[in-house]
Amino acid sequence: MCEPCQAKMAPPGLDKKPALLKQFLQLMTRSWDPMTEEPEHSRHRPEPILDDEQERQREALRTSADSLAHLLDSVVQIPGTSIRVGLDALLGLIPGLGDWIANLIGTTILFLAVKLEVPKIVIVRMAFNIGINTLIGTIPGFGDVFSIWFRSNLKNTQLLRRYTSKQSTCATPGDWLFVIGLLAGTFGIAIGTFAMILWGFKALWSL
């Protein structure tokens, strides 16, 4: 049979099937390539919803941080003024060890922040608050006044509450190592600064 006759006898739309099949395969390949991306229906997954028990546990951790910050920064009001001081300022009156003990207690808030999965950049800010309070707190007289004004622990609990409204309660070992290493570096710098101050006083005394 001649080709024109075959074309006339072919069912309508038969010559379009290869093109439609090719378009279908291109569409399937474009919508999901299993080697490079996830299926479209798995993207933009909603955040897990915490049940009441998990939220109570998270609020208990936040309340513990608030109580500790209140104890360290604002537990006592100076009579006749609106100024409040805490254990941080009182321990700062002890030469040498007072500031270190107070700020070591304050690092508990950082560990609570890790357990609540506060973003790492926020933990860096919290550690800087403690580091600044530690370094300047070693300056006799001025350091105590600065601690009363700066209130590093209250600042840290404000950051903790701000960034834990929608986070999960699971913390990874990497988060703990991150905070421990950061604290070690912060206190290492503080110890070096304190040693330099002591060396300076000793040099002046020997003149």
N, C-alpha and C. Protein backbone atom coordinates (compact mmCIF):
# COMPACT_ATOMS: atom_id res chain seq x y z
N MET A 1 0.86 -1.20 0.00
CA MET A 1 0.00 0.00 0.00
C MET A 1 0.89 1.23 0.00
N CYS A 2 0.50 2.23 -0.76
CA CYS A 2 1.33 3.44 -0.87
C CYS A 2 1.25 4.25 0.41
N GLU A 3 2.27 5.09 0.63
CA GLU A 3 2.36 5.89 1.86
C GLU A 3 1.20 6.86 2.01
N PRO A 4 0.73 7.54 0.92
CA PRO A 4 -0.43 8.43 1.09
C PRO A 4 -1.65 7.69 1.57
N CYS A 5 -1.83 6.43 1.09
CA CYS A 5 -3.00 5.66 1.53
C CYS A 5 -2.88 5.29 2.99
N GLN A 6 -1.63 4.91 3.44
CA GLN A 6 -1.44 4.57 4.85
C GLN A 6 -1.73 5.76 5.75
N ALA A 7 -1.32 6.94 5.30
CA ALA A 7 -1.57 8.15 6.10
C ALA A 7 -3.05 8.42 6.23
N LYS A 8 -3.81 8.16 5.13
CA LYS A 8 -5.25 8.40 5.19
C LYS A 8 -5.95 7.40 6.09
N MET A 9 -5.46 6.11 6.11
CA MET A 9 -6.11 5.07 6.90
C MET A 9 -5.71 5.11 8.37
N ALA A 10 -4.63 5.83 8.73
CA ALA A 10 -4.19 5.88 10.13
C ALA A 10 -5.21 6.61 10.98
N PRO A 11 -5.48 6.11 12.19
CA PRO A 11 -6.45 6.77 13.08
C PRO A 11 -6.00 8.18 13.39
N PRO A 12 -6.94 9.10 13.56
CA PRO A 12 -6.56 10.49 13.87
C PRO A 12 -5.87 10.57 15.23
N GLY A 13 -4.80 11.38 15.31
CA GLY A 13 -4.06 11.58 16.56
C GLY A 13 -2.95 10.59 16.79
N LEU A 14 -2.81 9.55 15.88
CA LEU A 14 -1.78 8.55 16.09
C LEU A 14 -0.39 9.16 15.96
N ASP A 15 -0.23 10.11 15.01
CA ASP A 15 1.08 10.72 14.82
C ASP A 15 1.45 11.66 15.96
N LYS A 16 0.51 12.00 16.85
CA LYS A 16 0.80 12.90 17.96
C LYS A 16 1.24 12.15 19.21
N LYS A 17 1.07 10.82 19.25
CA LYS A 17 1.38 10.07 20.47
C LYS A 17 2.85 10.14 20.86
N PRO A 18 3.80 9.98 19.95
CA PRO A 18 5.21 10.11 20.37
C PRO A 18 5.52 11.47 20.98
N ALA A 19 4.96 12.54 20.43
CA ALA A 19 5.21 13.88 20.98
C ALA A 19 4.61 14.02 22.37
N LEU A 20 3.38 13.50 22.56
CA LEU A 20 2.75 13.58 23.88
C LEU A 20 3.52 12.76 24.91
N LEU A 21 3.99 11.58 24.50
CA LEU A 21 4.77 10.74 25.41
C LEU A 21 6.07 11.43 25.81
N LYS A 22 6.70 12.10 24.85
CA LYS A 22 7.94 12.82 25.13
C LYS A 22 7.71 13.96 26.11
N GLN A 23 6.60 14.70 25.94
CA GLN A 23 6.29 15.80 26.85
C GLN A 23 6.00 15.27 28.26
N PHE A 24 5.30 14.13 28.33
CA PHE A 24 4.99 13.54 29.63
C PHE A 24 6.26 13.14 30.38
N LEU A 25 7.20 12.52 29.66
CA LEU A 25 8.46 12.11 30.28
C LEU A 25 9.27 13.32 30.73
N GLN A 26 9.28 14.39 29.93
CA GLN A 26 9.99 15.60 30.33
C GLN A 26 9.37 16.21 31.58
N LEU A 27 8.04 16.20 31.65
CA LEU A 27 7.36 16.76 32.82
C LEU A 27 7.68 15.97 34.07
N MET A 28 7.67 14.64 33.96
CA MET A 28 7.98 13.80 35.12
C MET A 28 9.42 13.99 35.56
N THR A 29 10.33 14.11 34.61
CA THR A 29 11.74 14.30 34.95
C THR A 29 11.98 15.65 35.59
N ARG A 30 11.26 16.69 35.13
CA ARG A 30 11.44 18.02 35.68
C ARG A 30 10.86 18.14 37.08
N SER A 31 9.76 17.47 37.38
CA SER A 31 9.10 17.62 38.67
C SER A 31 9.84 16.91 39.79
N TRP A 32 10.55 15.80 39.45
CA TRP A 32 11.27 15.09 40.51
C TRP A 32 12.43 14.32 39.93
N ASP A 33 13.61 14.78 40.24
CA ASP A 33 14.82 14.04 39.90
C ASP A 33 15.33 13.41 41.18
N PRO A 34 15.18 12.08 41.40
CA PRO A 34 15.53 11.46 42.68
C PRO A 34 16.99 11.57 43.03
N MET A 35 17.85 11.88 42.05
CA MET A 35 19.28 11.98 42.33
C MET A 35 19.67 13.36 42.82
N THR A 36 18.82 14.36 42.61
CA THR A 36 19.23 15.73 42.93
C THR A 36 18.32 16.44 43.91
N GLU A 37 17.06 16.06 44.00
CA GLU A 37 16.17 16.80 44.88
C GLU A 37 15.08 15.90 45.42
N GLU A 38 14.35 16.43 46.40
CA GLU A 38 13.28 15.69 47.03
C GLU A 38 11.99 15.86 46.24
N PRO A 39 11.02 14.96 46.42
CA PRO A 39 9.72 15.15 45.78
C PRO A 39 9.09 16.45 46.24
N GLU A 40 8.29 17.05 45.35
CA GLU A 40 7.70 18.34 45.67
C GLU A 40 6.80 18.26 46.89
N HIS A 41 6.11 17.11 47.06
CA HIS A 41 5.18 17.02 48.19
C HIS A 41 5.89 16.95 49.52
N SER A 42 7.24 16.67 49.52
CA SER A 42 7.97 16.58 50.78
C SER A 42 8.65 17.88 51.16
N ARG A 43 8.57 18.90 50.30
CA ARG A 43 9.20 20.17 50.62
C ARG A 43 8.31 21.00 51.53
N HIS A 44 8.97 21.97 52.21
CA HIS A 44 8.24 22.91 53.07
C HIS A 44 7.38 22.17 54.09
N ARG A 45 7.99 21.21 54.75
CA ARG A 45 7.25 20.48 55.77
C ARG A 45 6.97 21.39 56.96
N PRO A 46 5.80 21.33 57.53
CA PRO A 46 5.51 22.18 58.69
C PRO A 46 6.31 21.74 59.90
N GLU A 47 6.61 22.69 60.78
CA GLU A 47 7.35 22.38 62.00
C GLU A 47 6.51 21.47 62.89
N PRO A 48 7.18 20.53 63.59
CA PRO A 48 6.42 19.64 64.46
C PRO A 48 5.72 20.41 65.56
N ILE A 49 4.51 20.01 65.86
CA ILE A 49 3.72 20.66 66.90
C ILE A 49 4.01 19.98 68.23
N LEU A 50 4.41 20.77 69.21
CA LEU A 50 4.73 20.23 70.53
C LEU A 50 3.45 19.97 71.30
N ASP A 51 3.41 18.83 72.01
CA ASP A 51 2.25 18.56 72.84
C ASP A 51 2.37 19.32 74.16
N ASP A 52 1.34 19.20 74.98
CA ASP A 52 1.29 19.97 76.23
C ASP A 52 2.42 19.60 77.17
N GLU A 53 2.77 18.32 77.25
CA GLU A 53 3.83 17.88 78.16
C GLU A 53 5.18 18.44 77.74
N GLN A 54 5.48 18.42 76.44
CA GLN A 54 6.74 18.99 75.96
C GLN A 54 6.80 20.49 76.22
N GLU A 55 5.70 21.17 76.02
CA GLU A 55 5.69 22.61 76.25
C GLU A 55 5.86 22.93 77.73
N ARG A 56 5.30 22.10 78.60
CA ARG A 56 5.50 22.29 80.04
C ARG A 56 6.96 22.10 80.42
N GLN A 57 7.61 21.11 79.82
CA GLN A 57 9.03 20.90 80.10
C GLN A 57 9.87 22.08 79.63
N ARG A 58 9.54 22.61 78.46
CA ARG A 58 10.28 23.76 77.95
C ARG A 58 10.07 24.99 78.83
N GLU A 59 8.84 25.19 79.28
CA GLU A 59 8.57 26.34 80.14
C GLU A 59 9.27 26.19 81.48
N ALA A 60 9.40 24.95 81.97
CA ALA A 60 10.12 24.72 83.22
C ALA A 60 11.59 25.10 83.07
N LEU A 61 12.19 24.80 81.93
CA LEU A 61 13.58 25.19 81.68
C LEU A 61 13.71 26.71 81.60
N ARG A 62 12.77 27.35 80.92
CA ARG A 62 12.82 28.81 80.83
C ARG A 62 12.64 29.46 82.20
N THR A 63 11.75 28.89 83.01
CA THR A 63 11.53 29.43 84.36
C THR A 63 12.78 29.26 85.22
N SER A 64 13.47 28.13 85.07
CA SER A 64 14.72 27.92 85.81
C SER A 64 15.76 28.97 85.43
N ALA A 65 15.85 29.28 84.14
CA ALA A 65 16.79 30.32 83.70
C ALA A 65 16.40 31.68 84.27
N ASP A 66 15.11 31.99 84.27
CA ASP A 66 14.65 33.27 84.83
C ASP A 66 14.99 33.38 86.32
N SER A 67 14.76 32.30 87.06
CA SER A 67 15.03 32.31 88.50
C SER A 67 16.51 32.50 88.79
N LEU A 68 17.35 31.82 88.01
CA LEU A 68 18.79 31.94 88.22
C LEU A 68 19.28 33.35 87.89
N ALA A 69 18.77 33.92 86.80
CA ALA A 69 19.15 35.29 86.43
C ALA A 69 18.70 36.29 87.49
N HIS A 70 17.50 36.09 88.02
CA HIS A 70 17.01 36.97 89.09
C HIS A 70 17.90 36.88 90.32
N LEU A 71 18.32 35.67 90.68
CA LEU A 71 19.20 35.49 91.83
C LEU A 71 20.54 36.18 91.62
N LEU A 72 21.06 36.11 90.41
CA LEU A 72 22.39 36.66 90.15
C LEU A 72 22.39 38.17 89.92
N ASP A 73 21.29 38.72 89.40
CA ASP A 73 21.32 40.12 88.97
C ASP A 73 20.36 41.06 89.68
N SER A 74 19.29 40.56 90.29
CA SER A 74 18.29 41.51 90.79
C SER A 74 17.51 40.99 92.00
N VAL A 75 18.13 40.20 92.84
CA VAL A 75 17.38 39.59 93.94
C VAL A 75 17.16 40.56 95.11
N VAL A 76 18.02 41.58 95.25
CA VAL A 76 17.94 42.50 96.39
C VAL A 76 17.85 43.93 95.87
N GLN A 77 16.97 44.73 96.47
CA GLN A 77 16.87 46.15 96.13
C GLN A 77 17.63 46.98 97.15
N ILE A 78 18.45 47.90 96.66
CA ILE A 78 19.20 48.78 97.55
C ILE A 78 18.21 49.75 98.21
N PRO A 79 18.17 49.81 99.54
CA PRO A 79 17.19 50.67 100.23
C PRO A 79 17.29 52.13 99.78
N GLY A 80 16.13 52.74 99.56
CA GLY A 80 16.08 54.14 99.17
C GLY A 80 16.32 54.40 97.70
N THR A 81 16.53 53.34 96.92
CA THR A 81 16.77 53.50 95.48
C THR A 81 15.93 52.46 94.72
N SER A 82 15.93 52.60 93.41
CA SER A 82 15.26 51.61 92.56
C SER A 82 16.25 50.61 91.97
N ILE A 83 17.49 50.67 92.44
CA ILE A 83 18.54 49.80 91.91
C ILE A 83 18.47 48.44 92.60
N ARG A 84 18.52 47.40 91.80
CA ARG A 84 18.51 46.04 92.32
C ARG A 84 19.84 45.38 92.00
N VAL A 85 20.33 44.61 92.94
CA VAL A 85 21.59 43.88 92.76
C VAL A 85 21.34 42.41 93.07
N GLY A 86 22.29 41.60 92.65
CA GLY A 86 22.16 40.17 92.88
C GLY A 86 23.44 39.57 93.39
N LEU A 87 23.48 38.26 93.34
CA LEU A 87 24.64 37.53 93.84
C LEU A 87 25.90 37.86 93.04
N ASP A 88 25.72 38.21 91.77
CA ASP A 88 26.87 38.57 90.94
C ASP A 88 27.62 39.75 91.54
N ALA A 89 26.90 40.82 91.86
CA ALA A 89 27.55 42.01 92.41
C ALA A 89 28.11 41.75 93.81
N LEU A 90 27.39 40.95 94.61
CA LEU A 90 27.85 40.68 95.97
C LEU A 90 29.11 39.82 95.97
N LEU A 91 29.14 38.79 95.11
CA LEU A 91 30.34 37.97 95.01
C LEU A 91 31.51 38.76 94.43
N GLY A 92 31.19 39.78 93.61
CA GLY A 92 32.25 40.60 93.04
C GLY A 92 33.04 41.36 94.08
N LEU A 93 32.48 41.50 95.28
CA LEU A 93 33.21 42.18 96.36
C LEU A 93 34.34 41.33 96.91
N ILE A 94 34.30 40.02 96.63
CA ILE A 94 35.38 39.14 97.07
C ILE A 94 36.53 39.26 96.08
N PRO A 95 37.69 39.72 96.50
CA PRO A 95 38.80 39.92 95.56
C PRO A 95 39.23 38.61 94.91
N GLY A 96 39.46 38.68 93.62
CA GLY A 96 40.01 37.52 92.91
C GLY A 96 38.97 36.53 92.43
N LEU A 97 38.37 35.76 93.35
CA LEU A 97 37.51 34.64 92.97
C LEU A 97 36.04 35.01 92.81
N GLY A 98 35.60 36.12 93.39
CA GLY A 98 34.18 36.44 93.41
C GLY A 98 33.56 36.51 92.02
N ASP A 99 34.19 37.27 91.12
CA ASP A 99 33.64 37.42 89.76
C ASP A 99 33.64 36.10 89.01
N TRP A 100 34.68 35.29 89.22
CA TRP A 100 34.76 34.01 88.52
C TRP A 100 33.65 33.06 88.97
N ILE A 101 33.39 33.03 90.27
CA ILE A 101 32.34 32.15 90.78
C ILE A 101 30.97 32.58 90.25
N ALA A 102 30.70 33.89 90.28
CA ALA A 102 29.40 34.39 89.82
C ALA A 102 29.17 34.08 88.34
N ASN A 103 30.18 34.32 87.52
CA ASN A 103 30.01 34.08 86.09
C ASN A 103 30.00 32.59 85.75
N LEU A 104 30.68 31.79 86.56
CA LEU A 104 30.61 30.34 86.36
C LEU A 104 29.19 29.83 86.62
N ILE A 105 28.55 30.37 87.65
CA ILE A 105 27.15 30.01 87.91
C ILE A 105 26.26 30.48 86.75
N GLY A 106 26.57 31.66 86.21
CA GLY A 106 25.77 32.19 85.11
C GLY A 106 25.83 31.37 83.84
N THR A 107 26.90 30.57 83.67
CA THR A 107 26.99 29.75 82.46
C THR A 107 25.93 28.64 82.44
N THR A 108 25.29 28.38 83.57
CA THR A 108 24.20 27.41 83.59
C THR A 108 23.10 27.80 82.61
N ILE A 109 22.88 29.10 82.44
CA ILE A 109 21.86 29.57 81.50
C ILE A 109 22.22 29.18 80.08
N LEU A 110 23.51 29.16 79.76
CA LEU A 110 23.93 28.74 78.42
C LEU A 110 23.59 27.27 78.17
N PHE A 111 23.80 26.43 79.18
CA PHE A 111 23.48 25.01 79.02
C PHE A 111 21.97 24.79 78.88
N LEU A 112 21.19 25.59 79.59
CA LEU A 112 19.74 25.53 79.40
C LEU A 112 19.36 25.96 77.99
N ALA A 113 20.07 26.96 77.46
CA ALA A 113 19.81 27.42 76.09
C ALA A 113 20.13 26.32 75.08
N VAL A 114 21.19 25.56 75.32
CA VAL A 114 21.53 24.45 74.42
C VAL A 114 20.44 23.39 74.46
N LYS A 115 19.94 23.08 75.65
CA LYS A 115 18.90 22.07 75.77
C LYS A 115 17.61 22.50 75.07
N LEU A 116 17.37 23.81 75.03
CA LEU A 116 16.19 24.34 74.34
C LEU A 116 16.45 24.60 72.87
N GLU A 117 17.65 24.25 72.39
CA GLU A 117 18.04 24.42 70.98
C GLU A 117 17.94 25.87 70.52
N VAL A 118 18.48 26.76 71.32
CA VAL A 118 18.63 28.15 70.89
C VAL A 118 19.64 28.17 69.74
N PRO A 119 19.42 28.97 68.70
CA PRO A 119 20.38 29.03 67.58
C PRO A 119 21.79 29.35 68.06
N LYS A 120 22.77 28.75 67.40
CA LYS A 120 24.15 28.87 67.86
C LYS A 120 24.64 30.31 67.86
N ILE A 121 24.21 31.10 66.90
CA ILE A 121 24.65 32.49 66.87
C ILE A 121 24.15 33.25 68.09
N VAL A 122 22.98 32.86 68.61
CA VAL A 122 22.46 33.49 69.82
C VAL A 122 23.27 33.04 71.04
N ILE A 123 23.68 31.77 71.04
CA ILE A 123 24.54 31.29 72.12
C ILE A 123 25.87 32.04 72.12
N VAL A 124 26.36 32.38 70.93
CA VAL A 124 27.59 33.20 70.86
C VAL A 124 27.36 34.55 71.53
N ARG A 125 26.22 35.16 71.25
CA ARG A 125 25.91 36.44 71.90
C ARG A 125 25.84 36.29 73.41
N MET A 126 25.21 35.22 73.88
CA MET A 126 25.10 34.99 75.32
C MET A 126 26.47 34.78 75.95
N ALA A 127 27.33 34.04 75.26
CA ALA A 127 28.68 33.81 75.78
C ALA A 127 29.48 35.11 75.81
N PHE A 128 29.28 35.96 74.80
CA PHE A 128 29.96 37.26 74.80
C PHE A 128 29.50 38.11 75.98
N ASN A 129 28.20 38.04 76.31
CA ASN A 129 27.72 38.78 77.48
C ASN A 129 28.44 38.35 78.75
N ILE A 130 28.59 37.03 78.91
CA ILE A 130 29.30 36.53 80.09
C ILE A 130 30.77 36.92 80.04
N GLY A 131 31.37 36.82 78.85
CA GLY A 131 32.78 37.18 78.72
C GLY A 131 33.05 38.63 79.05
N ILE A 132 32.19 39.52 78.54
CA ILE A 132 32.36 40.95 78.83
C ILE A 132 32.21 41.22 80.32
N ASN A 133 31.20 40.60 80.93
CA ASN A 133 30.98 40.79 82.36
C ASN A 133 32.16 40.27 83.18
N THR A 134 32.77 39.16 82.72
CA THR A 134 33.91 38.59 83.43
C THR A 134 35.14 39.48 83.31
N LEU A 135 35.42 39.93 82.09
CA LEU A 135 36.63 40.73 81.87
C LEU A 135 36.58 42.07 82.60
N ILE A 136 35.48 42.79 82.42
CA ILE A 136 35.38 44.11 83.06
C ILE A 136 35.17 43.97 84.56
N GLY A 137 34.55 42.86 84.97
CA GLY A 137 34.33 42.65 86.40
C GLY A 137 35.61 42.48 87.19
N THR A 138 36.71 42.15 86.52
CA THR A 138 37.98 42.00 87.23
C THR A 138 38.62 43.35 87.58
N ILE A 139 38.10 44.44 87.02
CA ILE A 139 38.65 45.76 87.34
C ILE A 139 38.10 46.19 88.70
N PRO A 140 38.95 46.43 89.67
CA PRO A 140 38.47 46.78 91.02
C PRO A 140 37.59 48.02 91.01
N GLY A 141 36.47 47.95 91.71
CA GLY A 141 35.57 49.10 91.83
C GLY A 141 34.69 49.27 90.61
N PHE A 142 35.29 49.64 89.50
CA PHE A 142 34.52 49.88 88.28
C PHE A 142 33.82 48.61 87.80
N GLY A 143 34.48 47.46 87.97
CA GLY A 143 33.88 46.20 87.53
C GLY A 143 32.59 45.88 88.24
N ASP A 144 32.52 46.17 89.54
CA ASP A 144 31.29 45.91 90.30
C ASP A 144 30.15 46.80 89.83
N VAL A 145 30.46 48.08 89.60
CA VAL A 145 29.43 49.00 89.10
C VAL A 145 28.95 48.57 87.71
N PHE A 146 29.89 48.14 86.88
CA PHE A 146 29.52 47.70 85.54
C PHE A 146 28.62 46.47 85.59
N SER A 147 28.89 45.53 86.47
CA SER A 147 28.07 44.32 86.58
C SER A 147 26.64 44.65 86.99
N ILE A 148 26.49 45.63 87.90
CA ILE A 148 25.15 46.03 88.32
C ILE A 148 24.38 46.65 87.16
N TRP A 149 25.09 47.42 86.32
CA TRP A 149 24.43 48.06 85.18
C TRP A 149 24.20 47.10 84.01
N PHE A 150 25.19 46.24 83.73
CA PHE A 150 25.15 45.40 82.53
C PHE A 150 24.15 44.25 82.66
N ARG A 151 24.15 43.56 83.80
CA ARG A 151 23.21 42.46 84.07
C ARG A 151 23.23 41.42 82.95
N SER A 152 24.35 40.78 82.80
CA SER A 152 24.53 39.83 81.69
C SER A 152 23.56 38.66 81.77
N ASN A 153 23.22 38.22 82.96
CA ASN A 153 22.34 37.05 83.09
C ASN A 153 20.90 37.36 82.68
N LEU A 154 20.42 38.54 83.05
CA LEU A 154 19.08 38.94 82.61
C LEU A 154 19.04 39.13 81.10
N LYS A 155 20.11 39.66 80.52
CA LYS A 155 20.17 39.79 79.07
C LYS A 155 20.08 38.42 78.41
N ASN A 156 20.77 37.44 78.98
CA ASN A 156 20.79 36.11 78.38
C ASN A 156 19.43 35.41 78.48
N THR A 157 18.72 35.60 79.58
CA THR A 157 17.40 34.98 79.67
C THR A 157 16.41 35.63 78.71
N GLN A 158 16.57 36.92 78.45
CA GLN A 158 15.72 37.57 77.45
C GLN A 158 15.98 36.99 76.07
N LEU A 159 17.25 36.75 75.74
CA LEU A 159 17.57 36.12 74.46
C LEU A 159 17.02 34.70 74.40
N LEU A 160 17.14 33.98 75.51
CA LEU A 160 16.66 32.59 75.55
C LEU A 160 15.16 32.53 75.27
N ARG A 161 14.40 33.38 75.92
CA ARG A 161 12.95 33.36 75.72
C ARG A 161 12.57 33.83 74.32
N ARG A 162 13.32 34.78 73.79
CA ARG A 162 12.98 35.31 72.46
C ARG A 162 13.14 34.25 71.38
N TYR A 163 14.12 33.36 71.54
CA TYR A 163 14.44 32.43 70.46
C TYR A 163 14.02 30.99 70.75
N THR A 164 13.16 30.76 71.73
CA THR A 164 12.73 29.39 72.02
C THR A 164 11.24 29.19 71.86
N SER A 165 10.56 30.09 71.22
CA SER A 165 9.11 29.96 71.11
C SER A 165 8.70 28.81 70.20
N LYS A 166 9.53 28.49 69.15
CA LYS A 166 9.14 27.46 68.19
C LYS A 166 10.25 26.44 67.96
N GLN A 167 11.15 26.29 68.93
CA GLN A 167 12.24 25.33 68.78
C GLN A 167 11.90 24.03 69.49
N SER A 168 12.53 22.93 69.06
CA SER A 168 12.33 21.64 69.71
C SER A 168 13.23 21.55 70.94
N THR A 169 13.03 20.49 71.75
CA THR A 169 13.78 20.35 72.99
C THR A 169 15.02 19.47 72.83
N CYS A 170 15.29 18.96 71.64
CA CYS A 170 16.40 18.04 71.44
C CYS A 170 17.68 18.82 71.13
N ALA A 171 18.73 18.52 71.85
CA ALA A 171 20.04 19.12 71.60
C ALA A 171 21.01 18.02 71.18
N THR A 172 21.86 18.30 70.20
CA THR A 172 22.81 17.32 69.70
C THR A 172 24.11 17.41 70.48
N PRO A 173 24.94 16.35 70.47
CA PRO A 173 26.25 16.43 71.11
C PRO A 173 27.11 17.56 70.55
N GLY A 174 26.95 17.86 69.26
CA GLY A 174 27.71 18.96 68.68
C GLY A 174 27.38 20.29 69.32
N ASP A 175 26.11 20.49 69.72
CA ASP A 175 25.73 21.74 70.39
C ASP A 175 26.45 21.86 71.74
N TRP A 176 26.49 20.74 72.48
CA TRP A 176 27.16 20.78 73.78
C TRP A 176 28.65 21.05 73.62
N LEU A 177 29.30 20.39 72.66
CA LEU A 177 30.72 20.62 72.44
C LEU A 177 30.98 22.06 72.00
N PHE A 178 30.07 22.61 71.22
CA PHE A 178 30.21 24.00 70.76
C PHE A 178 30.23 24.95 71.96
N VAL A 179 29.29 24.77 72.88
CA VAL A 179 29.21 25.67 74.04
C VAL A 179 30.40 25.47 74.97
N ILE A 180 30.78 24.20 75.21
CA ILE A 180 31.92 23.94 76.11
C ILE A 180 33.20 24.56 75.55
N GLY A 181 33.43 24.39 74.25
CA GLY A 181 34.61 24.99 73.64
C GLY A 181 34.58 26.50 73.69
N LEU A 182 33.39 27.08 73.48
CA LEU A 182 33.25 28.53 73.52
C LEU A 182 33.51 29.07 74.92
N LEU A 183 32.98 28.37 75.93
CA LEU A 183 33.21 28.80 77.31
C LEU A 183 34.68 28.68 77.68
N ALA A 184 35.32 27.60 77.24
CA ALA A 184 36.74 27.43 77.54
C ALA A 184 37.57 28.56 76.94
N GLY A 185 37.24 28.94 75.70
CA GLY A 185 37.97 30.04 75.07
C GLY A 185 37.72 31.36 75.77
N THR A 186 36.45 31.62 76.16
CA THR A 186 36.12 32.88 76.83
C THR A 186 36.84 33.00 78.16
N PHE A 187 36.80 31.94 78.96
CA PHE A 187 37.45 32.00 80.26
C PHE A 187 38.97 31.95 80.14
N GLY A 188 39.48 31.34 79.07
CA GLY A 188 40.92 31.37 78.85
C GLY A 188 41.42 32.78 78.61
N ILE A 189 40.67 33.54 77.79
CA ILE A 189 41.03 34.94 77.54
C ILE A 189 40.92 35.75 78.83
N ALA A 190 39.86 35.48 79.61
CA ALA A 190 39.67 36.22 80.86
C ALA A 190 40.80 35.93 81.84
N ILE A 191 41.22 34.67 81.93
CA ILE A 191 42.31 34.32 82.84
C ILE A 191 43.60 35.00 82.41
N GLY A 192 43.85 35.03 81.09
CA GLY A 192 45.05 35.71 80.60
C GLY A 192 45.04 37.19 80.93
N THR A 193 43.87 37.82 80.77
CA THR A 193 43.77 39.25 81.10
C THR A 193 43.99 39.49 82.58
N PHE A 194 43.41 38.63 83.41
CA PHE A 194 43.57 38.77 84.85
C PHE A 194 45.03 38.59 85.25
N ALA A 195 45.71 37.64 84.62
CA ALA A 195 47.13 37.42 84.92
C ALA A 195 47.96 38.64 84.53
N MET A 196 47.62 39.26 83.40
CA MET A 196 48.36 40.46 82.98
C MET A 196 48.15 41.61 83.95
N ILE A 197 46.91 41.74 84.48
CA ILE A 197 46.65 42.80 85.45
C ILE A 197 47.46 42.58 86.72
N LEU A 198 47.49 41.33 87.19
CA LEU A 198 48.28 41.02 88.38
C LEU A 198 49.77 41.29 88.15
N TRP A 199 50.24 40.92 86.96
CA TRP A 199 51.65 41.16 86.64
C TRP A 199 51.95 42.66 86.62
N GLY A 200 51.01 43.46 86.10
CA GLY A 200 51.21 44.90 86.07
C GLY A 200 51.27 45.50 87.46
N PHE A 201 50.36 45.04 88.35
CA PHE A 201 50.39 45.53 89.73
C PHE A 201 51.69 45.12 90.43
N LYS A 202 52.13 43.91 90.17
CA LYS A 202 53.36 43.43 90.80
C LYS A 202 54.56 44.24 90.31
N ALA A 203 54.57 44.56 89.01
CA ALA A 203 55.68 45.35 88.47
C ALA A 203 55.69 46.76 89.06
N LEU A 204 54.49 47.35 89.21
CA LEU A 204 54.43 48.69 89.80
C LEU A 204 54.83 48.66 91.27
N TRP A 205 54.46 47.60 91.97
CA TRP A 205 54.77 47.50 93.40
C TRP A 205 56.27 47.36 93.64
N SER A 206 56.95 46.72 92.69
CA SER A 206 58.40 46.48 92.86
C SER A 206 59.24 47.70 92.51
N LEU A 207 58.62 48.75 91.96
CA LEU A 207 59.39 49.95 91.61
C LEU A 207 59.84 50.71 92.86
